[in-house]
Amino acid sequence: MLESELYELLGYDRMIIRTKILKTLEMDIEIKILNQILEK
């Protein structure tokens, strides 16, 4: 396998991981906001 191919794969994985983390963070924030609204 070429080095450039390996780097591309690593970059791709990193992008997927980053988007998954961002989505879970967004969901956590939305849940917290909903809980605060429901508590009032």
Protein backbone atom coordinates (compact mmCIF):
# COMPACT_ATOMS: atom_id res chain seq x y z
CA MET A 1 0.00 0.00 0.00
CA LEU A 2 1.25 3.47 -0.86
CA GLU A 3 1.87 5.96 1.92
CA SER A 4 -0.49 8.49 0.34
CA GLU A 5 -3.29 5.89 0.27
CA LEU A 6 -2.70 5.14 3.92
CA TYR A 7 -2.84 8.83 4.82
CA GLU A 8 -6.07 9.23 2.85
CA LEU A 9 -7.65 6.33 4.74
CA LEU A 10 -6.53 7.75 8.09
CA GLY A 11 -7.88 11.19 7.18
CA TYR A 12 -11.18 9.65 6.09
CA ASP A 13 -11.54 7.72 9.35
CA ARG A 14 -10.71 10.85 11.32
CA MET A 15 -13.43 12.80 9.48
CA ILE A 16 -16.01 10.11 10.22
CA ILE A 17 -15.01 9.99 13.89
CA ARG A 18 -15.16 13.79 14.11
CA THR A 19 -18.66 13.96 12.61
CA LYS A 20 -19.88 11.20 14.95
CA ILE A 21 -18.47 13.05 17.98
CA LEU A 22 -20.05 16.32 16.83
CA LYS A 23 -23.43 14.64 16.32
CA THR A 24 -23.36 13.04 19.78
CA LEU A 25 -22.38 16.39 21.33
CA GLU A 26 -25.25 18.12 19.51
CA MET A 27 -27.68 15.48 20.77
CA ASP A 28 -26.39 15.88 24.35
CA ILE A 29 -26.90 19.65 24.14
CA GLU A 30 -30.40 19.25 22.68
CA ILE A 31 -31.36 16.80 25.44
CA LYS A 32 -30.08 19.20 28.12
CA ILE A 33 -32.06 22.09 26.60
CA LEU A 34 -35.21 19.95 26.41
CA ASN A 35 -34.77 18.87 30.04
CA GLN A 36 -34.41 22.50 31.15
CA ILE A 37 -37.57 23.47 29.23
CA LEU A 38 -39.52 20.54 30.72
CA GLU A 39 -38.35 21.35 34.26
CA LYS A 40 -39.84 24.87 34.12
